C-alpha atoms as a PDB file:
ATOM      1  CA  MET A   1     -12.475  77.942  12.509  1.00  0.00           C
ATOM      2  CA  LYS A   2      -8.856  76.162  12.897  1.00  0.00           C
ATOM      3  CA  ASN A   3     -10.512  73.937  14.638  1.00  0.00           C
ATOM      4  CA  TYR A   4     -13.428  73.070  12.734  1.00  0.00           C
ATOM      5  CA  GLY A   5     -11.236  72.092   9.704  1.00  0.00           C
ATOM      6  CA  ILE A   6      -9.357  69.998  12.648  1.00  0.00           C
ATOM      7  CA  ILE A   7     -12.582  68.199  13.661  1.00  0.00           C
ATOM      8  CA  PHE A   8     -13.564  68.192   9.923  1.00  0.00           C
ATOM      9  CA  ILE A   9     -10.280  66.286   8.632  1.00  0.00           C
ATOM     10  CA  ILE A  10     -10.482  63.393  11.702  1.00  0.00           C
ATOM     11  CA  ILE A  11     -14.268  62.676  11.331  1.00  0.00           C
ATOM     12  CA  CYS A  12     -13.535  61.959   7.541  1.00  0.00           C
ATOM     13  CA  LEU A  13     -10.671  60.276   8.684  1.00  0.00           C
ATOM     14  CA  ILE A  14     -12.833  57.669  10.717  1.00  0.00           C
ATOM     15  CA  PRO A  15     -14.566  56.173   7.909  1.00  0.00           C
ATOM     16  CA  LEU A  16     -11.332  56.353   5.332  1.00  0.00           C
ATOM     17  CA  THR A  17      -9.428  54.374   7.445  1.00  0.00           C
ATOM     18  CA  SER A  18     -12.742  51.965   7.311  1.00  0.00           C
ATOM     19  CA  LEU A  19     -13.558  51.653   4.421  1.00  0.00           C
ATOM     20  CA  VAL A  20      -9.399  50.882   3.862  1.00  0.00           C
ATOM     21  CA  LYS A  21      -9.224  48.089   6.209  1.00  0.00           C
ATOM     22  CA  ASN A  22     -12.149  46.327   5.064  1.00  0.00           C
ATOM     23  CA  THR A  23     -11.222  46.976   1.859  1.00  0.00           C
ATOM     24  CA  SER A  24      -7.634  45.089   2.543  1.00  0.00           C
ATOM     25  CA  LYS A  25      -9.214  42.459   4.759  1.00  0.00           C
ATOM     26  CA  ASN A  26     -11.739  41.183   1.976  1.00  0.00           C
ATOM     27  CA  LEU A  27      -8.252  41.006  -0.793  1.00  0.00           C
ATOM     28  CA  GLU A  28      -6.700  38.822   1.822  1.00  0.00           C
ATOM     29  CA  ASN A  29      -8.958  36.704   2.250  1.00  0.00           C
ATOM     30  CA  GLU A  30     -10.196  36.490  -1.858  1.00  0.00           C
ATOM     31  CA  ILE A  31      -6.362  35.809  -2.038  1.00  0.00           C
ATOM     32  CA  TYR A  32      -6.241  32.685   0.622  1.00  0.00           C
ATOM     33  CA  ASN A  33      -8.678  31.373  -1.100  1.00  0.00           C
ATOM     34  CA  LYS A  34      -7.600  31.803  -4.559  1.00  0.00           C
ATOM     35  CA  ARG A  35      -4.165  30.472  -3.006  1.00  0.00           C
ATOM     36  CA  GLU A  36      -5.908  27.599  -1.639  1.00  0.00           C
ATOM     37  CA  SER A  37      -8.629  26.713  -4.549  1.00  0.00           C
ATOM     38  CA  ILE A  38      -4.748  26.274  -7.022  1.00  0.00           C
ATOM     39  CA  VAL A  39      -3.080  23.988  -3.918  1.00  0.00           C
ATOM     40  CA  LEU A  40      -6.396  21.749  -4.002  1.00  0.00           C
ATOM     41  CA  LEU A  41      -6.345  22.436  -8.139  1.00  0.00           C
ATOM     42  CA  ASP A  42      -2.027  21.689  -8.260  1.00  0.00           C
ATOM     43  CA  ASN A  43      -2.780  18.401  -6.073  1.00  0.00           C
ATOM     44  CA  LYS A  44      -5.238  17.556  -8.190  1.00  0.00           C
ATOM     45  CA  TYR A  45      -3.280  18.315 -11.950  1.00  0.00           C
ATOM     46  CA  ASN A  46      -0.299  16.015 -10.041  1.00  0.00           C
ATOM     47  CA  LEU A  47      -3.129  12.948  -9.339  1.00  0.00           C
ATOM     48  CA  VAL A  48      -4.352  13.389 -13.108  1.00  0.00           C
ATOM     49  CA  PHE A  49      -0.582  13.916 -14.459  1.00  0.00           C
ATOM     50  CA  LEU A  50       0.484  10.215 -12.712  1.00  0.00           C
ATOM     51  CA  GLU A  51      -3.294   8.989 -13.600  1.00  0.00           C
ATOM     52  CA  ASN A  52      -2.209   9.909 -17.482  1.00  0.00           C
ATOM     53  CA  ASN A  53       1.686   8.648 -17.176  1.00  0.00           C
ATOM     54  CA  TYR A  54       0.698   5.276 -15.369  1.00  0.00           C
ATOM     55  CA  LEU A  55      -1.566   4.346 -18.565  1.00  0.00           C
ATOM     56  CA  THR A  56      -0.705   5.939 -21.014  1.00  0.00           C
ATOM     57  CA  SER A  57       2.131   3.938 -21.255  1.00  0.00           C
ATOM     58  CA  PRO A  58       1.673   0.728 -23.008  1.00  0.00           C
ATOM     59  CA  GLU A  59       4.344  -1.887 -21.958  1.00  0.00           C
ATOM     60  CA  ASN A  60       2.975  -0.826 -17.977  1.00  0.00           C
ATOM     61  CA  LEU A  61      -0.586  -1.800 -19.180  1.00  0.00           C
ATOM     62  CA  PHE A  62       0.810  -5.510 -20.476  1.00  0.00           C
ATOM     63  CA  LYS A  63       2.533  -5.634 -17.755  1.00  0.00           C
ATOM     64  CA  HIS A  64       0.063  -5.399 -15.032  1.00  0.00           C
ATOM     65  CA  TYR A  65      -2.796  -7.161 -17.291  1.00  0.00           C
ATOM     66  CA  ASN A  66       0.067  -9.589 -17.288  1.00  0.00           C
ATOM     67  CA  ASP A  67       0.168  -9.354 -13.718  1.00  0.00           C
ATOM     68  CA  LEU A  68      -3.326  -9.589 -12.477  1.00  0.00           C
ATOM     69  CA  ASN A  69      -3.985 -12.667 -15.682  1.00  0.00           C
ATOM     70  CA  SER A  70      -0.852 -14.934 -13.937  1.00  0.00           C
ATOM     71  CA  LYS A  71      -2.367 -14.823 -10.351  1.00  0.00           C
ATOM     72  CA  GLU A  72      -4.898 -17.958  -9.068  1.00  0.00           C
ATOM     73  CA  TYR A  73      -8.286 -16.507  -7.061  1.00  0.00           C
ATOM     74  CA  SER A  74      -9.395 -18.174  -5.195  1.00  0.00           C
ATOM     75  CA  PRO A  75     -12.789 -17.139  -3.312  1.00  0.00           C
ATOM     76  CA  LEU A  76     -12.769 -16.943   0.236  1.00  0.00           C
ATOM     77  CA  ASP A  77     -16.008 -18.486   2.709  1.00  0.00           C
ATOM     78  CA  ILE A  78     -16.246 -15.485   5.245  1.00  0.00           C
ATOM     79  CA  THR A  79     -18.000 -18.229   7.679  1.00  0.00           C
ATOM     80  CA  ASN A  80     -14.451 -19.523   8.983  1.00  0.00           C
ATOM     81  CA  LEU A  81     -13.157 -15.836   9.373  1.00  0.00           C
ATOM     82  CA  TYR A  82     -13.020 -15.178  13.078  1.00  0.00           C
ATOM     83  CA  LYS A  83     -12.217 -12.198  15.324  1.00  0.00           C
ATOM     84  CA  ILE A  84      -8.688 -12.002  17.159  1.00  0.00           C
ATOM     85  CA  SER A  85      -9.017 -10.298  20.822  1.00  0.00           C
ATOM     86  CA  PHE A  86      -6.744  -9.681  23.447  1.00  0.00           C
ATOM     87  CA  SER A  87      -6.338  -9.919  26.659  1.00  0.00           C
ATOM     88  CA  GLU A  88      -4.263  -9.441  29.334  1.00  0.00           C
ATOM     89  CA  GLU A  89      -4.511 -13.117  30.241  1.00  0.00           C
ATOM     90  CA  GLU A  90      -5.285 -14.920  26.895  1.00  0.00           C
ATOM     91  CA  ILE A  91      -5.877 -14.615  23.652  1.00  0.00           C
ATOM     92  CA  ASN A  92      -9.774 -15.002  22.389  1.00  0.00           C
ATOM     93  CA  LEU A  93     -11.145 -16.300  19.124  1.00  0.00           C
ATOM     94  CA  GLN A  94     -14.666 -15.169  18.245  1.00  0.00           C
ATOM     95  CA  LYS A  95     -16.950 -15.726  15.055  1.00  0.00           C
ATOM     96  CA  PHE A  96     -16.263 -13.212  12.426  1.00  0.00           C
ATOM     97  CA  LEU A  97     -20.248 -13.926  11.864  1.00  0.00           C
ATOM     98  CA  THR A  98     -22.516 -14.336  14.637  1.00  0.00           C
ATOM     99  CA  ASN A  99     -26.294 -14.450  13.112  1.00  0.00           C
ATOM    100  CA  GLU A 100     -25.649 -18.239  12.292  1.00  0.00           C
END
């Protein structure tokens, strides 16, 4: 009778151990996923906070507006662009647009 009791306890402990192990593994996965989402949300928050601080200051806005308007821009002709390739003996210049 004593042997039956020990066998019964061992048979009951095996599924119980498996259940606890699977549950703890699922909890660890959930904790990992939550931590990852917290890191992503924290990065997003930092970017939004920086953007908010950067753009909400009127002095900064006026400064950037004046910087952009003070520069003179001229159009760039892309047909005058060249690719430069270096080899051991020489430097090659090739037109950027080759369909001409």
